[in-house]
PDB file of N, CA and C in Angstrom:
ATOM      1  N   UNK A   1      18.240 -20.222   8.240  1.00  0.00           N
ATOM      2  CA  UNK A   1      19.248 -19.295   7.785  1.00  0.00           C
ATOM      3  C   UNK A   1      19.281 -18.125   8.755  1.00  0.00           C
ATOM      4  N   UNK A   2      20.459 -17.744   9.153  1.00  0.00           N
ATOM      5  CA  UNK A   2      20.586 -16.493   9.871  1.00  0.00           C
ATOM      6  C   UNK A   2      21.773 -15.743   9.305  1.00  0.00           C
ATOM      7  N   UNK A   3      21.757 -14.435   9.490  1.00  0.00           N
ATOM      8  CA  UNK A   3      22.860 -13.615   9.019  1.00  0.00           C
ATOM      9  C   UNK A   3      22.997 -12.395   9.898  1.00  0.00           C
ATOM     10  N   UNK A   4      24.200 -11.854   9.895  1.00  0.00           N
ATOM     11  CA  UNK A   4      24.491 -10.657  10.683  1.00  0.00           C
ATOM     12  C   UNK A   4      25.357  -9.717   9.862  1.00  0.00           C
ATOM     13  N   UNK A   5      25.000  -8.441   9.761  1.00  0.00           N
ATOM     14  CA  UNK A   5      25.944  -7.505   9.147  1.00  0.00           C
ATOM     15  C   UNK A   5      27.130  -7.351  10.099  1.00  0.00           C
ATOM     16  N   UNK A   6      28.337  -7.420   9.571  1.00  0.00           N
ATOM     17  CA  UNK A   6      29.527  -7.391  10.412  1.00  0.00           C
ATOM     18  C   UNK A   6      29.857  -5.978  10.863  1.00  0.00           C
ATOM     19  N   UNK A   7      29.619  -4.980  10.025  1.00  0.00           N
ATOM     20  CA  UNK A   7      29.908  -3.598  10.419  1.00  0.00           C
ATOM     21  C   UNK A   7      28.731  -2.709  10.055  1.00  0.00           C
ATOM     22  N   UNK A   8      28.561  -1.673  10.833  1.00  0.00           N
ATOM     23  CA  UNK A   8      27.481  -0.723  10.582  1.00  0.00           C
ATOM     24  C   UNK A   8      27.948   0.632  11.062  1.00  0.00           C
ATOM     25  N   UNK A   9      27.998   1.713  10.339  1.00  0.00           N
ATOM     26  CA  UNK A   9      27.532   1.822   8.967  1.00  0.00           C
ATOM     27  C   UNK A   9      28.488   1.154   7.985  1.00  0.00           C
ATOM     28  N   UNK A  10      28.001   0.936   6.782  1.00  0.00           N
ATOM     29  CA  UNK A  10      28.771   0.266   5.738  1.00  0.00           C
ATOM     30  C   UNK A  10      29.627   1.297   5.008  1.00  0.00           C
ATOM     31  N   UNK A  11      30.901   0.961   4.811  1.00  0.00           N
ATOM     32  CA  UNK A  11      31.811   1.800   4.046  1.00  0.00           C
ATOM     33  C   UNK A  11      32.455   0.911   2.978  1.00  0.00           C
ATOM     34  N   UNK A  12      32.138   1.138   1.718  1.00  0.00           N
ATOM     35  CA  UNK A  12      32.703   0.431   0.553  1.00  0.00           C
ATOM     36  C   UNK A  12      32.248  -1.012   0.386  1.00  0.00           C
ATOM     37  N   UNK A  13      32.300  -1.818   1.431  1.00  0.00           N
ATOM     38  CA  UNK A  13      31.941  -3.234   1.319  1.00  0.00           C
ATOM     39  C   UNK A  13      31.134  -3.650   2.542  1.00  0.00           C
ATOM     40  N   UNK A  14      29.998  -4.284   2.279  1.00  0.00           N
ATOM     41  CA  UNK A  14      29.192  -4.859   3.356  1.00  0.00           C
ATOM     42  C   UNK A  14      29.633  -6.296   3.561  1.00  0.00           C
ATOM     43  N   UNK A  15      30.050  -6.634   4.767  1.00  0.00           N
ATOM     44  CA  UNK A  15      30.402  -8.004   5.120  1.00  0.00           C
ATOM     45  C   UNK A  15      29.235  -8.627   5.861  1.00  0.00           C
ATOM     46  N   UNK A  16      28.765  -9.763   5.366  1.00  0.00           N
ATOM     47  CA  UNK A  16      27.615 -10.444   5.949  1.00  0.00           C
ATOM     48  C   UNK A  16      28.033 -11.848   6.360  1.00  0.00           C
ATOM     49  N   UNK A  17      27.869 -12.166   7.649  1.00  0.00           N
ATOM     50  CA  UNK A  17      28.104 -13.531   8.125  1.00  0.00           C
ATOM     51  C   UNK A  17      26.805 -14.297   8.005  1.00  0.00           C
ATOM     52  N   UNK A  18      26.862 -15.455   7.351  1.00  0.00           N
ATOM     53  CA  UNK A  18      25.667 -16.281   7.178  1.00  0.00           C
ATOM     54  C   UNK A  18      25.927 -17.671   7.725  1.00  0.00           C
ATOM     55  N   UNK A  19      24.874 -18.312   8.150  1.00  0.00           N
ATOM     56  CA  UNK A  19      24.938 -19.707   8.567  1.00  0.00           C
ATOM     57  C   UNK A  19      23.672 -20.377   8.042  1.00  0.00           C
ATOM     58  N   UNK A  20      23.824 -21.268   7.071  1.00  0.00           N
ATOM     59  CA  UNK A  20      22.667 -21.969   6.522  1.00  0.00           C
ATOM     60  C   UNK A  20      22.881 -23.470   6.657  1.00  0.00           C
ATOM     61  N   UNK A  21      21.779 -24.186   6.824  1.00  0.00           N
ATOM     62  CA  UNK A  21      21.839 -25.631   7.044  1.00  0.00           C
ATOM     63  C   UNK A  21      22.170 -26.407   5.782  1.00  0.00           C
ATOM     64  N   UNK A  22      21.740 -25.894   4.626  1.00  0.00           N
ATOM     65  CA  UNK A  22      21.919 -26.602   3.364  1.00  0.00           C
ATOM     66  C   UNK A  22      22.425 -25.613   2.322  1.00  0.00           C
ATOM     67  N   UNK A  23      23.431 -26.000   1.543  1.00  0.00           N
ATOM     68  CA  UNK A  23      23.955 -25.130   0.502  1.00  0.00           C
ATOM     69  C   UNK A  23      22.810 -24.675  -0.399  1.00  0.00           C
ATOM     70  N   UNK A  24      22.869 -23.400  -0.823  1.00  0.00           N
ATOM     71  CA  UNK A  24      21.779 -22.850  -1.623  1.00  0.00           C
ATOM     72  C   UNK A  24      22.273 -21.674  -2.443  1.00  0.00           C
ATOM     73  N   UNK A  25      21.518 -21.363  -3.483  1.00  0.00           N
ATOM     74  CA  UNK A  25      21.735 -20.125  -4.225  1.00  0.00           C
ATOM     75  C   UNK A  25      20.970 -19.044  -3.478  1.00  0.00           C
ATOM     76  N   UNK A  26      21.670 -17.997  -3.065  1.00  0.00           N
ATOM     77  CA  UNK A  26      21.043 -16.895  -2.341  1.00  0.00           C
ATOM     78  C   UNK A  26      21.095 -15.638  -3.190  1.00  0.00           C
ATOM     79  N   UNK A  27      20.025 -14.873  -3.128  1.00  0.00           N
ATOM     80  CA  UNK A  27      19.947 -13.604  -3.828  1.00  0.00           C
ATOM     81  C   UNK A  27      20.082 -12.481  -2.812  1.00  0.00           C
ATOM     82  N   UNK A  28      20.958 -11.525  -3.122  1.00  0.00           N
ATOM     83  CA  UNK A  28      21.217 -10.375  -2.268  1.00  0.00           C
ATOM     84  C   UNK A  28      20.784  -9.135  -3.034  1.00  0.00           C
ATOM     85  N   UNK A  29      19.669  -8.535  -2.649  1.00  0.00           N
ATOM     86  CA  UNK A  29      19.149  -7.342  -3.308  1.00  0.00           C
ATOM     87  C   UNK A  29      19.266  -6.155  -2.366  1.00  0.00           C
ATOM     88  N   UNK A  30      19.755  -5.031  -2.882  1.00  0.00           N
ATOM     89  CA  UNK A  30      19.828  -3.794  -2.122  1.00  0.00           C
ATOM     90  C   UNK A  30      18.834  -2.822  -2.754  1.00  0.00           C
ATOM     91  N   UNK A  31      17.924  -2.304  -1.914  1.00  0.00           N
ATOM     92  CA  UNK A  31      16.889  -1.380  -2.363  1.00  0.00           C
ATOM     93  C   UNK A  31      17.086  -0.025  -1.702  1.00  0.00           C
ATOM     94  N   UNK A  32      16.744   1.032  -2.447  1.00  0.00           N
ATOM     95  CA  UNK A  32      16.691   2.355  -1.832  1.00  0.00           C
ATOM     96  C   UNK A  32      15.519   2.353  -0.855  1.00  0.00           C
ATOM     97  N   UNK A  33      15.475   3.333   0.001  1.00  0.00           N
ATOM     98  CA  UNK A  33      14.399   3.410   0.984  1.00  0.00           C
ATOM     99  C   UNK A  33      13.038   3.587   0.303  1.00  0.00           C
ATOM    100  N   UNK A  34      13.041   4.087  -0.954  1.00  0.00           N
ATOM    101  CA  UNK A  34      11.791   4.244  -1.704  1.00  0.00           C
ATOM    102  C   UNK A  34      11.403   2.985  -2.475  1.00  0.00           C
ATOM    103  N   UNK A  35      12.238   1.934  -2.383  1.00  0.00           N
ATOM    104  CA  UNK A  35      11.895   0.651  -3.004  1.00  0.00           C
ATOM    105  C   UNK A  35      12.548   0.368  -4.336  1.00  0.00           C
ATOM    106  N   UNK A  36      13.406   1.255  -4.831  1.00  0.00           N
ATOM    107  CA  UNK A  36      14.087   1.034  -6.109  1.00  0.00           C
ATOM    108  C   UNK A  36      15.231   0.043  -5.921  1.00  0.00           C
ATOM    109  N   UNK A  37      15.296  -0.973  -6.800  1.00  0.00           N
ATOM    110  CA  UNK A  37      16.383  -1.942  -6.758  1.00  0.00           C
ATOM    111  C   UNK A  37      17.674  -1.256  -7.188  1.00  0.00           C
ATOM    112  N   UNK A  38      18.678  -1.259  -6.314  1.00  0.00           N
ATOM    113  CA  UNK A  38      19.943  -0.587  -6.576  1.00  0.00           C
ATOM    114  C   UNK A  38      21.035  -1.554  -7.012  1.00  0.00           C
ATOM    115  N   UNK A  39      21.014  -2.780  -6.479  1.00  0.00           N
ATOM    116  CA  UNK A  39      21.970  -3.806  -6.891  1.00  0.00           C
ATOM    117  C   UNK A  39      21.410  -5.170  -6.561  1.00  0.00           C
ATOM    118  N   UNK A  40      21.890  -6.163  -7.314  1.00  0.00           N
ATOM    119  CA  UNK A  40      21.429  -7.530  -7.117  1.00  0.00           C
ATOM    120  C   UNK A  40      22.572  -8.486  -7.427  1.00  0.00           C
ATOM    121  N   UNK A  41      22.733  -9.488  -6.571  1.00  0.00           N
ATOM    122  CA  UNK A  41      23.741 -10.526  -6.777  1.00  0.00           C
ATOM    123  C   UNK A  41      23.130 -11.867  -6.423  1.00  0.00           C
ATOM    124  N   UNK A  42      23.478 -12.896  -7.192  1.00  0.00           N
ATOM    125  CA  UNK A  42      23.132 -14.265  -6.825  1.00  0.00           C
ATOM    126  C   UNK A  42      24.439 -14.998  -6.573  1.00  0.00           C
ATOM    127  N   UNK A  43      24.519 -15.646  -5.421  1.00  0.00           N
ATOM    128  CA  UNK A  43      25.735 -16.350  -5.040  1.00  0.00           C
ATOM    129  C   UNK A  43      25.401 -17.745  -4.538  1.00  0.00           C
ATOM    130  N   UNK A  44      26.277 -18.691  -4.843  1.00  0.00           N
ATOM    131  CA  UNK A  44      26.174 -20.021  -4.250  1.00  0.00           C
ATOM    132  C   UNK A  44      26.784 -19.948  -2.863  1.00  0.00           C
ATOM    133  N   UNK A  45      26.000 -20.260  -1.852  1.00  0.00           N
ATOM    134  CA  UNK A  45      26.460 -20.200  -0.467  1.00  0.00           C
ATOM    135  C   UNK A  45      26.510 -21.622   0.081  1.00  0.00           C
ATOM    136  N   UNK A  46      27.666 -21.995   0.603  1.00  0.00           N
ATOM    137  CA  UNK A  46      27.845 -23.332   1.172  1.00  0.00           C
ATOM    138  C   UNK A  46      27.147 -23.454   2.513  1.00  0.00           C
ATOM    139  N   UNK A  47      26.823 -24.689   2.884  1.00  0.00           N
ATOM    140  CA  UNK A  47      26.235 -24.890   4.207  1.00  0.00           C
ATOM    141  C   UNK A  47      27.265 -24.550   5.278  1.00  0.00           C
ATOM    142  N   UNK A  48      26.752 -24.238   6.468  1.00  0.00           N
ATOM    143  CA  UNK A  48      27.622 -23.816   7.561  1.00  0.00           C
ATOM    144  C   UNK A  48      27.833 -22.318   7.504  1.00  0.00           C
ATOM    145  N   UNK A  49      28.909 -21.856   8.134  1.00  0.00           N
ATOM    146  CA  UNK A  49      29.181 -20.429   8.202  1.00  0.00           C
ATOM    147  C   UNK A  49      29.906 -19.941   6.954  1.00  0.00           C
ATOM    148  N   UNK A  50      29.492 -18.789   6.460  1.00  0.00           N
ATOM    149  CA  UNK A  50      30.103 -18.157   5.284  1.00  0.00           C
ATOM    150  C   UNK A  50      30.193 -16.658   5.524  1.00  0.00           C
ATOM    151  N   UNK A  51      31.200 -16.036   4.926  1.00  0.00           N
ATOM    152  CA  UNK A  51      31.322 -14.588   4.942  1.00  0.00           C
ATOM    153  C   UNK A  51      31.086 -14.105   3.518  1.00  0.00           C
ATOM    154  N   UNK A  52      30.061 -13.286   3.327  1.00  0.00           N
ATOM    155  CA  UNK A  52      29.698 -12.760   2.024  1.00  0.00           C
ATOM    156  C   UNK A  52      30.078 -11.285   1.994  1.00  0.00           C
ATOM    157  N   UNK A  53      30.703 -10.850   0.909  1.00  0.00           N
ATOM    158  CA  UNK A  53      31.103  -9.451   0.752  1.00  0.00           C
ATOM    159  C   UNK A  53      30.306  -8.838  -0.400  1.00  0.00           C
ATOM    160  N   UNK A  54      29.640  -7.718  -0.109  1.00  0.00           N
ATOM    161  CA  UNK A  54      28.836  -7.031  -1.106  1.00  0.00           C
ATOM    162  C   UNK A  54      29.416  -5.631  -1.299  1.00  0.00           C
ATOM    163  N   UNK A  55      29.820  -5.324  -2.523  1.00  0.00           N
ATOM    164  CA  UNK A  55      30.419  -4.033  -2.846  1.00  0.00           C
ATOM    165  C   UNK A  55      29.338  -2.954  -2.806  1.00  0.00           C
ATOM    166  N   UNK A  56      29.588  -1.895  -2.060  1.00  0.00           N
ATOM    167  CA  UNK A  56      28.633  -0.783  -1.953  1.00  0.00           C
ATOM    168  C   UNK A  56      29.200   0.525  -2.499  1.00  0.00           C
ATOM    169  N   UNK A  57      30.315   0.460  -3.228  1.00  0.00           N
ATOM    170  CA  UNK A  57      30.948   1.676  -3.752  1.00  0.00           C
ATOM    171  C   UNK A  57      30.014   2.501  -4.627  1.00  0.00           C
ATOM    172  N   UNK A  58      29.120   1.862  -5.371  1.00  0.00           N
ATOM    173  CA  UNK A  58      28.236   2.579  -6.297  1.00  0.00           C
ATOM    174  C   UNK A  58      27.054   3.244  -5.579  1.00  0.00           C
ATOM    175  N   UNK A  59      26.879   2.971  -4.294  1.00  0.00           N
ATOM    176  CA  UNK A  59      25.749   3.526  -3.553  1.00  0.00           C
ATOM    177  C   UNK A  59      26.121   4.852  -2.913  1.00  0.00           C
ATOM    178  N   UNK A  60      25.233   5.825  -3.049  1.00  0.00           N
ATOM    179  CA  UNK A  60      25.423   7.109  -2.383  1.00  0.00           C
ATOM    180  C   UNK A  60      25.194   6.934  -0.881  1.00  0.00           C
ATOM    181  N   UNK A  61      25.715   7.859  -0.100  1.00  0.00           N
ATOM    182  CA  UNK A  61      25.482   7.823   1.339  1.00  0.00           C
ATOM    183  C   UNK A  61      23.981   7.862   1.595  1.00  0.00           C
ATOM    184  N   UNK A  62      23.501   7.005   2.493  1.00  0.00           N
ATOM    185  CA  UNK A  62      22.082   7.003   2.807  1.00  0.00           C
ATOM    186  C   UNK A  62      21.634   5.698   3.431  1.00  0.00           C
ATOM    187  N   UNK A  63      20.329   5.520   3.473  1.00  0.00           N
ATOM    188  CA  UNK A  63      19.712   4.347   4.079  1.00  0.00           C
ATOM    189  C   UNK A  63      19.177   3.436   2.983  1.00  0.00           C
ATOM    190  N   UNK A  64      19.428   2.143   3.119  1.00  0.00           N
ATOM    191  CA  UNK A  64      19.009   1.144   2.141  1.00  0.00           C
ATOM    192  C   UNK A  64      18.433  -0.057   2.871  1.00  0.00           C
ATOM    193  N   UNK A  65      17.773  -0.917   2.108  1.00  0.00           N
ATOM    194  CA  UNK A  65      17.250  -2.177   2.631  1.00  0.00           C
ATOM    195  C   UNK A  65      17.965  -3.317   1.916  1.00  0.00           C
ATOM    196  N   UNK A  66      18.531  -4.250   2.679  1.00  0.00           N
ATOM    197  CA  UNK A  66      19.135  -5.454   2.121  1.00  0.00           C
ATOM    198  C   UNK A  66      18.137  -6.593   2.276  1.00  0.00           C
ATOM    199  N   UNK A  67      17.838  -7.259   1.174  1.00  0.00           N
ATOM    200  CA  UNK A  67      16.943  -8.427   1.188  1.00  0.00           C
ATOM    201  C   UNK A  67      17.765  -9.624   0.753  1.00  0.00           C
ATOM    202  N   UNK A  68      17.807 -10.631   1.616  1.00  0.00           N
ATOM    203  CA  UNK A  68      18.506 -11.878   1.317  1.00  0.00           C
ATOM    204  C   UNK A  68      17.458 -12.974   1.249  1.00  0.00           C
ATOM    205  N   UNK A  69      17.495 -13.748   0.172  1.00  0.00           N
ATOM    206  CA  UNK A  69      16.526 -14.835   0.065  1.00  0.00           C
ATOM    207  C   UNK A  69      17.142 -16.034  -0.642  1.00  0.00           C
ATOM    208  N   UNK A  70      16.610 -17.199  -0.295  1.00  0.00           N
ATOM    209  CA  UNK A  70      16.901 -18.425  -1.023  1.00  0.00           C
ATOM    210  C   UNK A  70      15.573 -19.141  -1.229  1.00  0.00           C
ATOM    211  N   UNK A  71      15.604 -20.400  -1.613  1.00  0.00           N
ATOM    212  CA  UNK A  71      14.345 -21.097  -1.906  1.00  0.00           C
ATOM    213  C   UNK A  71      13.540 -21.430  -0.652  1.00  0.00           C
ATOM    214  N   UNK A  72      14.071 -21.159   0.532  1.00  0.00           N
ATOM    215  CA  UNK A  72      13.387 -21.500   1.778  1.00  0.00           C
ATOM    216  C   UNK A  72      13.066 -20.266   2.628  1.00  0.00           C
ATOM    217  N   UNK A  73      13.984 -19.331   2.698  1.00  0.00           N
ATOM    218  CA  UNK A  73      13.858 -18.196   3.622  1.00  0.00           C
ATOM    219  C   UNK A  73      14.059 -16.861   2.933  1.00  0.00           C
ATOM    220  N   UNK A  74      13.643 -15.822   3.643  1.00  0.00           N
ATOM    221  CA  UNK A  74      13.847 -14.443   3.206  1.00  0.00           C
ATOM    222  C   UNK A  74      14.027 -13.587   4.455  1.00  0.00           C
ATOM    223  N   UNK A  75      14.926 -12.622   4.380  1.00  0.00           N
ATOM    224  CA  UNK A  75      15.118 -11.719   5.496  1.00  0.00           C
ATOM    225  C   UNK A  75      15.422 -10.320   4.985  1.00  0.00           C
ATOM    226  N   UNK A  76      15.046  -9.304   5.743  1.00  0.00           N
ATOM    227  CA  UNK A  76      15.286  -7.906   5.396  1.00  0.00           C
ATOM    228  C   UNK A  76      16.070  -7.239   6.516  1.00  0.00           C
ATOM    229  N   UNK A  77      16.948  -6.293   6.134  1.00  0.00           N
ATOM    230  CA  UNK A  77      17.719  -5.549   7.124  1.00  0.00           C
ATOM    231  C   UNK A  77      17.962  -4.147   6.609  1.00  0.00           C
ATOM    232  N   UNK A  78      17.804  -3.161   7.454  1.00  0.00           N
ATOM    233  CA  UNK A  78      18.113  -1.776   7.082  1.00  0.00           C
ATOM    234  C   UNK A  78      19.614  -1.583   7.138  1.00  0.00           C
ATOM    235  N   UNK A  79      20.173  -0.883   6.114  1.00  0.00           N
ATOM    236  CA  UNK A  79      21.594  -0.591   6.043  1.00  0.00           C
ATOM    237  C   UNK A  79      21.813   0.905   6.030  1.00  0.00           C
ATOM    238  N   UNK A  80      22.895   1.338   6.607  1.00  0.00           N
ATOM    239  CA  UNK A  80      23.310   2.734   6.545  1.00  0.00           C
ATOM    240  C   UNK A  80      24.648   2.773   5.820  1.00  0.00           C
ATOM    241  N   UNK A  81      24.679   3.384   4.640  1.00  0.00           N
ATOM    242  CA  UNK A  81      25.894   3.462   3.840  1.00  0.00           C
ATOM    243  C   UNK A  81      26.521   4.825   4.051  1.00  0.00           C
ATOM    244  N   UNK A  82      27.804   4.818   4.352  1.00  0.00           N
ATOM    245  CA  UNK A  82      28.532   6.057   4.624  1.00  0.00           C
ATOM    246  C   UNK A  82      29.435   6.399   3.469  1.00  0.00           C
TER     247      UNK A  82
END
């Protein structure tokens, strides 16, 4: 699994390009820099390339951590919300 944030800093919606070998349920968790869970979504992601949109309107301006995981992989990325 690999993914790339499409824009940085994030304004209103985070667009994430993903490419996974096998369709899977993926969990998208956004944490504050202090570790508090701010939002969580579970989505069915098809194999191949996908564009995932995560609404960030409820997040205050600041730095967050995005954690994406499925039953095989996990990845973390720092986000800057404007």
